[in-house]
Amino acid sequence: MLYSDVGRLNCNVSYTTFATSVRGQGSDHKEYSSTLHKALEGAIILESFPKTTVDVFALVLESCGNDLPLVVSCASLALADAGIMMYDLVTAVSLSCHGPNLILDPLVEEESHQDGSLMVTYMPSRVEVTQLTITGEWSVSRIH
């Protein structure tokens, strides 16, 4: 690796084999790892860590649904607790659409029957959204 004046962020999200109701399904989640990286990248002052890699390893022990927002919030708190210089903490929330109903922080049963989902990661002191993920079908009236 070449010298860099800016540090790097490396994120890995994985599940234990007993984390879900289907036993033996523990694995790495590349999509979750990428989303966690995007959510935290704007919050960490990487310029203060030249030639350094900040590693974030998140291991989900029990999954009840809505895992990614919890992983983002916990990782942000862990970085702050470790003394990593940050612009702000990152908070996250997810929203699930079921017909005309909107559900905050859905359970796994609710996630499996959703029409669409939305996840927002946010730095409250800076009033900045660091990640926005929308999946499924959403009408304009639901978003406004």
C-alpha atoms as a PDB file:
ATOM      1  CA  MET A   1       0.000   0.000   0.000  1.00  0.00           C
ATOM      2  CA  LEU A   2       1.230   3.474  -0.853  1.00  0.00           C
ATOM      3  CA  TYR A   3       1.678   6.279   1.654  1.00  0.00           C
ATOM      4  CA  SER A   4      -1.448   8.342   2.159  1.00  0.00           C
ATOM      5  CA  ASP A   5      -2.009  11.599   4.039  1.00  0.00           C
ATOM      6  CA  VAL A   6      -5.543  10.393   4.733  1.00  0.00           C
ATOM      7  CA  GLY A   7      -6.445   7.333   6.788  1.00  0.00           C
ATOM      8  CA  ARG A   8      -8.602   4.485   5.524  1.00  0.00           C
ATOM      9  CA  LEU A   9     -11.792   3.014   6.919  1.00  0.00           C
ATOM     10  CA  ASN A  10     -12.379  -0.727   6.682  1.00  0.00           C
ATOM     11  CA  CYS A  11     -15.793  -2.146   7.700  1.00  0.00           C
ATOM     12  CA  ASN A  12     -16.951  -5.742   8.031  1.00  0.00           C
ATOM     13  CA  VAL A  13     -20.402  -6.906   9.133  1.00  0.00           C
ATOM     14  CA  SER A  14     -20.940 -10.583   9.859  1.00  0.00           C
ATOM     15  CA  TYR A  15     -23.483 -12.808  11.573  1.00  0.00           C
ATOM     16  CA  THR A  16     -22.926 -15.715  13.934  1.00  0.00           C
ATOM     17  CA  THR A  17     -24.344 -19.079  12.930  1.00  0.00           C
ATOM     18  CA  PHE A  18     -27.003 -18.755  15.651  1.00  0.00           C
ATOM     19  CA  ALA A  19     -27.989 -15.130  14.943  1.00  0.00           C
ATOM     20  CA  THR A  20     -31.095 -15.955  12.900  1.00  0.00           C
ATOM     21  CA  SER A  21     -33.908 -18.462  13.256  1.00  0.00           C
ATOM     22  CA  VAL A  22     -32.340 -20.473  10.400  1.00  0.00           C
ATOM     23  CA  ARG A  23     -29.356 -22.108  12.091  1.00  0.00           C
ATOM     24  CA  GLY A  24     -26.022 -22.330  10.315  1.00  0.00           C
ATOM     25  CA  GLN A  25     -26.590 -19.243   8.148  1.00  0.00           C
ATOM     26  CA  GLY A  26     -23.842 -17.088   9.668  1.00  0.00           C
ATOM     27  CA  SER A  27     -21.805 -15.235   7.084  1.00  0.00           C
ATOM     28  CA  ASP A  28     -20.253 -11.973   6.007  1.00  0.00           C
ATOM     29  CA  HIS A  29     -22.599  -9.440   4.488  1.00  0.00           C
ATOM     30  CA  LYS A  30     -20.752  -7.432   1.824  1.00  0.00           C
ATOM     31  CA  GLU A  31     -23.715  -5.149   1.160  1.00  0.00           C
ATOM     32  CA  TYR A  32     -24.084  -4.318   4.854  1.00  0.00           C
ATOM     33  CA  SER A  33     -20.328  -3.767   5.124  1.00  0.00           C
ATOM     34  CA  SER A  34     -20.421  -1.355   2.185  1.00  0.00           C
ATOM     35  CA  THR A  35     -23.394   0.548   3.614  1.00  0.00           C
ATOM     36  CA  LEU A  36     -21.719   0.777   7.035  1.00  0.00           C
ATOM     37  CA  HIS A  37     -18.585   2.136   5.362  1.00  0.00           C
ATOM     38  CA  LYS A  38     -20.576   4.789   3.478  1.00  0.00           C
ATOM     39  CA  ALA A  39     -22.475   5.782   6.624  1.00  0.00           C
ATOM     40  CA  LEU A  40     -19.352   6.198   8.800  1.00  0.00           C
ATOM     41  CA  GLU A  41     -16.900   7.526   6.228  1.00  0.00           C
ATOM     42  CA  GLY A  42     -18.200  11.096   6.399  1.00  0.00           C
ATOM     43  CA  ALA A  43     -18.199  11.148  10.198  1.00  0.00           C
ATOM     44  CA  ILE A  44     -14.594  10.121  10.879  1.00  0.00           C
ATOM     45  CA  ILE A  45     -11.840  12.723  10.546  1.00  0.00           C
ATOM     46  CA  LEU A  46      -9.602  10.479   8.439  1.00  0.00           C
ATOM     47  CA  GLU A  47      -7.155  13.342   7.822  1.00  0.00           C
ATOM     48  CA  SER A  48      -6.037  13.009  11.447  1.00  0.00           C
ATOM     49  CA  PHE A  49      -4.890   9.412  10.829  1.00  0.00           C
ATOM     50  CA  PRO A  50      -2.243   9.430   8.061  1.00  0.00           C
ATOM     51  CA  LYS A  51      -0.908   5.981   7.104  1.00  0.00           C
ATOM     52  CA  THR A  52      -3.582   4.383   9.310  1.00  0.00           C
ATOM     53  CA  THR A  53      -6.497   2.033   8.753  1.00  0.00           C
ATOM     54  CA  VAL A  54      -9.465   2.219  11.113  1.00  0.00           C
ATOM     55  CA  ASP A  55     -11.093  -1.216  11.228  1.00  0.00           C
ATOM     56  CA  VAL A  56     -14.721  -1.654  12.261  1.00  0.00           C
ATOM     57  CA  PHE A  57     -15.839  -5.251  12.768  1.00  0.00           C
ATOM     58  CA  ALA A  58     -19.513  -5.721  13.628  1.00  0.00           C
ATOM     59  CA  LEU A  59     -20.667  -9.178  14.689  1.00  0.00           C
ATOM     60  CA  VAL A  60     -24.430  -9.638  14.991  1.00  0.00           C
ATOM     61  CA  LEU A  61     -25.172 -12.124  17.758  1.00  0.00           C
ATOM     62  CA  GLU A  62     -28.964 -12.087  17.502  1.00  0.00           C
ATOM     63  CA  SER A  63     -31.038 -10.802  14.614  1.00  0.00           C
ATOM     64  CA  CYS A  64     -34.635  -9.708  15.120  1.00  0.00           C
ATOM     65  CA  GLY A  65     -34.784  -7.657  11.942  1.00  0.00           C
ATOM     66  CA  ASN A  66     -33.738  -4.059  11.282  1.00  0.00           C
ATOM     67  CA  ASP A  67     -30.080  -4.959  11.830  1.00  0.00           C
ATOM     68  CA  LEU A  68     -28.258  -2.405   9.695  1.00  0.00           C
ATOM     69  CA  PRO A  69     -29.425   0.782  11.483  1.00  0.00           C
ATOM     70  CA  LEU A  70     -28.477  -0.804  14.798  1.00  0.00           C
ATOM     71  CA  VAL A  71     -25.050  -1.785  13.485  1.00  0.00           C
ATOM     72  CA  VAL A  72     -24.432   1.766  12.211  1.00  0.00           C
ATOM     73  CA  SER A  73     -25.436   3.391  15.512  1.00  0.00           C
ATOM     74  CA  CYS A  74     -23.427   0.916  17.600  1.00  0.00           C
ATOM     75  CA  ALA A  75     -20.346   1.255  15.381  1.00  0.00           C
ATOM     76  CA  SER A  76     -20.501   5.038  15.670  1.00  0.00           C
ATOM     77  CA  LEU A  77     -20.677   4.833  19.467  1.00  0.00           C
ATOM     78  CA  ALA A  78     -17.822   2.314  19.546  1.00  0.00           C
ATOM     79  CA  LEU A  79     -15.603   4.596  17.461  1.00  0.00           C
ATOM     80  CA  ALA A  80     -16.333   7.542  19.751  1.00  0.00           C
ATOM     81  CA  ASP A  81     -15.649   5.393  22.818  1.00  0.00           C
ATOM     82  CA  ALA A  82     -12.326   4.291  21.298  1.00  0.00           C
ATOM     83  CA  GLY A  83     -11.254   7.924  20.961  1.00  0.00           C
ATOM     84  CA  ILE A  84     -11.410   8.074  17.166  1.00  0.00           C
ATOM     85  CA  MET A  85     -11.732  11.711  16.108  1.00  0.00           C
ATOM     86  CA  MET A  86     -15.145  12.260  14.553  1.00  0.00           C
ATOM     87  CA  TYR A  87     -17.106  15.221  13.266  1.00  0.00           C
ATOM     88  CA  ASP A  88     -20.267  13.829  14.862  1.00  0.00           C
ATOM     89  CA  LEU A  89     -21.946  10.614  15.943  1.00  0.00           C
ATOM     90  CA  VAL A  90     -23.964   8.798  13.291  1.00  0.00           C
ATOM     91  CA  THR A  91     -27.514   7.730  14.097  1.00  0.00           C
ATOM     92  CA  ALA A  92     -29.662   5.533  11.897  1.00  0.00           C
ATOM     93  CA  VAL A  93     -33.297   4.584  11.497  1.00  0.00           C
ATOM     94  CA  SER A  94     -35.256   2.436   9.083  1.00  0.00           C
ATOM     95  CA  LEU A  95     -38.803   2.748   7.850  1.00  0.00           C
ATOM     96  CA  SER A  96     -40.863  -0.022   6.299  1.00  0.00           C
ATOM     97  CA  CYS A  97     -43.876   0.421   4.040  1.00  0.00           C
ATOM     98  CA  HIS A  98     -46.805  -2.021   4.335  1.00  0.00           C
ATOM     99  CA  GLY A  99     -49.597  -0.866   2.068  1.00  0.00           C
ATOM    100  CA  PRO A 100     -50.851   2.410   3.563  1.00  0.00           C
ATOM    101  CA  ASN A 101     -48.948   1.858   6.836  1.00  0.00           C
ATOM    102  CA  LEU A 102     -45.420   3.005   7.712  1.00  0.00           C
ATOM    103  CA  ILE A 103     -43.499   1.140  10.422  1.00  0.00           C
ATOM    104  CA  LEU A 104     -40.378   2.464  12.156  1.00  0.00           C
ATOM    105  CA  ASP A 105     -37.668  -0.091  12.983  1.00  0.00           C
ATOM    106  CA  PRO A 106     -39.532  -3.139  11.636  1.00  0.00           C
ATOM    107  CA  LEU A 107     -39.131  -6.672  12.983  1.00  0.00           C
ATOM    108  CA  VAL A 108     -37.998  -9.523  10.733  1.00  0.00           C
ATOM    109  CA  GLU A 109     -41.624 -10.619  10.126  1.00  0.00           C
ATOM    110  CA  GLU A 110     -42.559  -7.091   9.076  1.00  0.00           C
ATOM    111  CA  GLU A 111     -39.483  -6.821   6.836  1.00  0.00           C
ATOM    112  CA  SER A 112     -40.399 -10.016   4.991  1.00  0.00           C
ATOM    113  CA  HIS A 113     -43.817  -8.609   3.956  1.00  0.00           C
ATOM    114  CA  GLN A 114     -42.865  -5.009   3.206  1.00  0.00           C
ATOM    115  CA  ASP A 115     -43.597  -3.181  -0.028  1.00  0.00           C
ATOM    116  CA  GLY A 116     -40.532  -0.971   0.402  1.00  0.00           C
ATOM    117  CA  SER A 117     -37.971   0.176   2.931  1.00  0.00           C
ATOM    118  CA  LEU A 118     -36.020   3.325   3.651  1.00  0.00           C
ATOM    119  CA  MET A 119     -32.926   3.706   5.822  1.00  0.00           C
ATOM    120  CA  VAL A 120     -31.394   7.058   6.778  1.00  0.00           C
ATOM    121  CA  THR A 121     -28.104   7.620   8.596  1.00  0.00           C
ATOM    122  CA  TYR A 122     -27.675  11.097   9.996  1.00  0.00           C
ATOM    123  CA  MET A 123     -25.197  13.303  11.864  1.00  0.00           C
ATOM    124  CA  PRO A 124     -27.425  15.469  14.091  1.00  0.00           C
ATOM    125  CA  SER A 125     -24.932  18.173  15.122  1.00  0.00           C
ATOM    126  CA  ARG A 126     -23.882  18.782  11.528  1.00  0.00           C
ATOM    127  CA  VAL A 127     -27.411  18.291  10.128  1.00  0.00           C
ATOM    128  CA  GLU A 128     -26.053  15.950   7.423  1.00  0.00           C
ATOM    129  CA  VAL A 129     -27.382  12.731   5.951  1.00  0.00           C
ATOM    130  CA  THR A 130     -24.489  10.312   5.438  1.00  0.00           C
ATOM    131  CA  GLN A 131     -26.427   7.479   3.785  1.00  0.00           C
ATOM    132  CA  LEU A 132     -29.898   7.123   2.305  1.00  0.00           C
ATOM    133  CA  THR A 133     -31.104   3.757   1.027  1.00  0.00           C
ATOM    134  CA  ILE A 134     -34.528   3.267  -0.564  1.00  0.00           C
ATOM    135  CA  THR A 135     -35.763  -0.096  -1.837  1.00  0.00           C
ATOM    136  CA  GLY A 136     -39.095  -1.299  -3.182  1.00  0.00           C
ATOM    137  CA  GLU A 137     -42.080   0.725  -4.292  1.00  0.00           C
ATOM    138  CA  TRP A 138     -42.778   4.178  -2.869  1.00  0.00           C
ATOM    139  CA  SER A 139     -45.350   6.684  -4.013  1.00  0.00           C
ATOM    140  CA  VAL A 140     -44.682  10.414  -3.789  1.00  0.00           C
ATOM    141  CA  SER A 141     -47.500  10.855  -1.242  1.00  0.00           C
ATOM    142  CA  ARG A 142     -45.773   8.479   1.199  1.00  0.00           C
ATOM    143  CA  ILE A 143     -42.436  10.295   1.056  1.00  0.00           C
ATOM    144  CA  HIS A 144     -43.835  13.841   1.528  1.00  0.00           C
END
